[in-house]
Amino acid sequence: MRATLRLVAAKGFAGVTLRDVATEVGVVHGLIRHYFSSRDELVAAAFDFAVTSELSSDRAQLDGLDPLTALAAWLSSTPEDHYRVWIDAWSEAARTPPLAAALDRHHRDCERILTDVITRVTAAGLGISADPAADSRLLTAVADGVAVQHHAMAVIGVAEANSIVFTIAERQLGLSPGSLAQANPAPARGQWAEDAGPAPRAL
């Protein structure tokens, strides 16, 4: 899994082959096929491994923060290039059904994490939400769109990316303007590289 992630970080999902991974690991090609019948299955498993580690780290960090700080941490733009791996996975998913399934599963995981954070915010009397799950879907869509503009297209910087997402979240959840920027700590996302192997470089 770690070898595959290193190659994905360097070449993108589409550029990784079973032979590449075998060479990276230092084994014969046939041994990789003993465990993974196809390249698609392998890259999907590697992504699944990476994101499972990421979300475990994210949850642990969020649990240690107060509700408003946790919301700001989850929505803030990641300084790491890990989001580029997600963006590349989105692009490749249309051609790789196993990767598409992993993406869908973890997208729902991310929405559930944000739903839980929104629920904590409202339970603490800091904001309002008639439907935390619906608000989570909306804010996830906003954050993902902003991430593409920030990380993939570089048409907005990190300060503007955070400002856009924070402003919409504050309006949607009835928070005081500027409250998320004031509460914003280090981002609570994008830690998977530390758990899953060497940090990925920009694709």
Protein backbone atom coordinates (compact mmCIF):
# COMPACT_ATOMS: atom_id res chain seq x y z
CA MET A 1 0.00 0.00 0.00
CA ARG A 2 2.75 2.47 0.93
CA ALA A 3 4.68 1.74 -2.26
CA THR A 4 1.56 2.31 -4.35
CA LEU A 5 0.90 5.61 -2.56
CA ARG A 6 4.41 6.81 -3.25
CA LEU A 7 3.92 6.06 -6.95
CA VAL A 8 0.48 7.69 -7.01
CA ALA A 9 1.95 10.82 -5.46
CA ALA A 10 4.64 10.93 -8.14
CA LYS A 11 2.71 9.78 -11.21
CA GLY A 12 -1.01 10.03 -10.46
CA PHE A 13 -3.43 7.10 -10.29
CA ALA A 14 -3.52 6.66 -14.07
CA GLY A 15 0.25 6.33 -14.26
CA VAL A 16 0.64 3.48 -11.80
CA THR A 17 1.01 -0.11 -13.03
CA LEU A 18 1.42 -3.41 -11.21
CA ARG A 19 4.94 -3.69 -12.61
CA ASP A 20 5.78 -0.27 -11.20
CA VAL A 21 4.65 -1.36 -7.75
CA ALA A 22 6.55 -4.64 -7.98
CA THR A 23 9.71 -2.75 -8.88
CA GLU A 24 9.15 -0.25 -6.07
CA VAL A 25 8.69 -3.03 -3.52
CA GLY A 26 11.48 -5.17 -4.97
CA VAL A 27 9.45 -8.27 -5.77
CA VAL A 28 8.48 -10.09 -8.93
CA HIS A 29 5.42 -8.91 -10.83
CA GLY A 30 3.59 -12.18 -10.25
CA LEU A 31 3.65 -11.74 -6.48
CA ILE A 32 1.62 -8.52 -6.73
CA ARG A 33 -0.96 -10.37 -8.84
CA HIS A 34 -1.21 -13.03 -6.14
CA TYR A 35 -2.80 -10.39 -3.89
CA PHE A 36 -4.39 -8.03 -6.42
CA SER A 37 -5.92 -9.33 -9.62
CA SER A 38 -5.75 -5.96 -11.36
CA ARG A 39 -4.13 -2.57 -11.22
CA ASP A 40 -7.56 -1.02 -10.55
CA GLU A 41 -8.02 -3.19 -7.47
CA LEU A 42 -4.58 -2.25 -6.19
CA VAL A 43 -4.91 1.53 -6.52
CA ALA A 44 -8.38 1.41 -4.94
CA ALA A 45 -7.02 -0.59 -2.01
CA ALA A 46 -4.15 1.88 -1.58
CA PHE A 47 -6.52 4.84 -1.58
CA ASP A 48 -8.80 3.05 0.88
CA PHE A 49 -5.83 2.35 3.14
CA ALA A 50 -4.68 5.97 2.99
CA VAL A 51 -8.06 7.55 3.66
CA THR A 52 -8.91 5.12 6.47
CA SER A 53 -5.71 6.27 8.20
CA GLU A 54 -6.52 9.89 7.43
CA LEU A 55 -10.01 9.79 8.86
CA SER A 56 -8.88 7.98 11.98
CA SER A 57 -6.36 10.77 12.62
CA ASP A 58 -8.97 13.42 11.81
CA ARG A 59 -11.50 12.02 14.26
CA ALA A 60 -8.95 11.81 17.05
CA GLN A 61 -7.96 15.46 16.52
CA LEU A 62 -11.54 16.71 16.30
CA ASP A 63 -12.56 14.89 19.49
CA GLY A 64 -9.99 16.93 21.40
CA LEU A 65 -11.31 20.30 20.23
CA ASP A 66 -14.26 22.40 21.36
CA PRO A 67 -17.18 22.34 18.87
CA LEU A 68 -16.55 25.66 17.12
CA THR A 69 -12.82 25.04 16.83
CA ALA A 70 -13.52 21.54 15.50
CA LEU A 71 -15.83 22.98 12.83
CA ALA A 72 -13.22 25.55 11.78
CA ALA A 73 -10.52 22.88 11.74
CA TRP A 74 -12.56 20.56 9.55
CA LEU A 75 -13.54 23.25 7.06
CA SER A 76 -10.18 25.01 6.81
CA SER A 77 -8.03 24.49 3.74
CA THR A 78 -5.32 21.88 4.15
CA PRO A 79 -1.76 23.16 3.68
CA GLU A 80 -0.62 19.70 2.57
CA ASP A 81 -0.72 18.51 -1.01
CA HIS A 82 -2.80 15.53 0.03
CA TYR A 83 -5.90 17.13 -1.49
CA ARG A 84 -4.29 16.78 -4.89
CA VAL A 85 -4.40 13.00 -4.40
CA TRP A 86 -8.13 13.26 -3.72
CA ILE A 87 -8.62 15.42 -6.79
CA ASP A 88 -6.68 12.97 -8.94
CA ALA A 89 -8.78 10.15 -7.50
CA TRP A 90 -11.96 11.99 -8.48
CA SER A 91 -10.66 12.30 -12.02
CA GLU A 92 -9.60 8.66 -12.28
CA ALA A 93 -12.73 7.23 -10.62
CA ALA A 94 -14.79 7.39 -13.83
CA ARG A 95 -12.36 4.89 -15.40
CA THR A 96 -11.72 2.80 -12.29
CA PRO A 97 -14.88 1.36 -10.68
CA PRO A 98 -13.13 0.02 -7.53
CA LEU A 99 -11.66 3.47 -6.91
CA ALA A 100 -15.06 5.06 -7.49
CA ALA A 101 -16.55 2.76 -4.84
CA ALA A 102 -13.82 3.67 -2.35
CA LEU A 103 -14.31 7.38 -3.06
CA ASP A 104 -18.06 7.15 -2.53
CA ARG A 105 -17.61 5.28 0.74
CA HIS A 106 -15.12 7.76 2.15
CA HIS A 107 -17.04 10.77 0.87
CA ARG A 108 -19.96 9.53 2.98
CA ASP A 109 -17.57 9.02 5.91
CA CYS A 110 -16.45 12.63 5.61
CA GLU A 111 -20.04 13.86 5.52
CA ARG A 112 -20.83 11.87 8.66
CA ILE A 113 -17.85 13.37 10.48
CA LEU A 114 -18.99 16.89 9.58
CA THR A 115 -22.56 16.02 10.57
CA ASP A 116 -21.30 15.00 14.00
CA VAL A 117 -19.34 18.25 14.36
CA ILE A 118 -22.37 20.34 13.35
CA THR A 119 -24.46 18.43 15.87
CA ARG A 120 -21.90 19.26 18.56
CA VAL A 121 -22.03 22.94 17.60
CA THR A 122 -25.81 23.07 17.86
CA ALA A 123 -25.90 21.02 21.08
CA ALA A 124 -23.54 23.54 22.64
CA GLY A 125 -25.92 26.36 21.68
CA LEU A 126 -23.36 27.96 19.37
CA GLY A 127 -25.34 27.64 16.14
CA ILE A 128 -28.53 26.29 14.61
CA SER A 129 -29.27 23.50 12.15
CA ALA A 130 -32.64 21.99 11.33
CA ASP A 131 -30.90 19.15 9.48
CA PRO A 132 -27.20 18.62 10.31
CA ALA A 133 -26.83 15.93 7.63
CA ALA A 134 -28.19 18.24 4.92
CA ASP A 135 -25.97 21.09 6.11
CA SER A 136 -23.01 18.72 6.05
CA ARG A 137 -23.70 17.79 2.43
CA LEU A 138 -23.96 21.44 1.44
CA LEU A 139 -20.78 22.51 3.23
CA THR A 140 -18.87 19.49 1.93
CA ALA A 141 -19.84 20.43 -1.63
CA VAL A 142 -18.70 24.01 -1.04
CA ALA A 143 -15.41 22.97 0.57
CA ASP A 144 -14.63 20.46 -2.20
CA GLY A 145 -15.33 23.02 -4.91
CA VAL A 146 -13.16 25.60 -3.21
CA ALA A 147 -10.41 23.01 -2.75
CA VAL A 148 -10.30 22.39 -6.50
CA GLN A 149 -9.97 26.12 -7.18
CA HIS A 150 -7.28 26.43 -4.52
CA HIS A 151 -5.22 23.26 -4.92
CA ALA A 152 -5.72 22.24 -8.54
CA MET A 153 -6.29 25.54 -10.33
CA ALA A 154 -4.49 27.96 -7.96
CA VAL A 155 -6.98 30.71 -8.78
CA ILE A 156 -7.53 31.49 -5.08
CA GLY A 157 -5.15 31.41 -2.14
CA VAL A 158 -5.56 29.78 1.24
CA ALA A 159 -6.89 32.93 2.95
CA GLU A 160 -9.61 33.40 0.34
CA ALA A 161 -10.43 29.68 0.35
CA ASN A 162 -10.99 29.75 4.10
CA SER A 163 -12.93 33.00 3.91
CA ILE A 164 -15.38 31.59 1.36
CA VAL A 165 -16.06 28.35 3.21
CA PHE A 166 -16.17 29.95 6.67
CA THR A 167 -18.56 32.69 5.52
CA ILE A 168 -21.01 30.23 3.99
CA ALA A 169 -20.82 27.96 7.05
CA GLU A 170 -21.47 30.89 9.38
CA ARG A 171 -24.50 31.97 7.37
CA GLN A 172 -25.86 28.44 7.08
CA LEU A 173 -25.47 27.62 10.77
CA GLY A 174 -26.34 31.01 12.23
CA LEU A 175 -22.86 31.66 13.60
CA SER A 176 -21.46 35.09 14.31
CA PRO A 177 -19.57 36.50 11.31
CA GLY A 178 -15.87 35.93 11.70
CA SER A 179 -16.28 33.37 14.49
CA LEU A 180 -14.73 30.49 12.52
CA ALA A 181 -11.70 32.53 11.50
CA GLN A 182 -11.15 33.44 15.15
CA ALA A 183 -11.46 29.79 16.20
CA ASN A 184 -9.39 28.37 13.36
CA PRO A 185 -6.51 26.16 14.53
CA ALA A 186 -4.32 23.91 12.40
CA PRO A 187 -6.43 22.03 9.84
CA ALA A 188 -7.86 18.73 11.08
CA ARG A 189 -7.61 17.05 7.68
CA GLY A 190 -4.80 15.70 5.57
CA GLN A 191 -2.81 13.76 8.15
CA TRP A 192 -3.03 10.40 6.39
CA ALA A 193 0.44 10.58 4.87
CA GLU A 194 2.05 10.37 8.29
CA ASP A 195 0.16 7.18 9.13
CA ALA A 196 0.19 5.59 5.69
CA GLY A 197 3.76 6.19 4.63
CA PRO A 198 5.89 8.93 3.10
CA ALA A 199 4.05 12.18 2.47
CA PRO A 200 2.78 12.49 -1.11
CA ARG A 201 4.19 15.27 -3.24
CA ALA A 202 2.12 17.39 -5.57
CA LEU A 203 0.90 15.44 -8.58
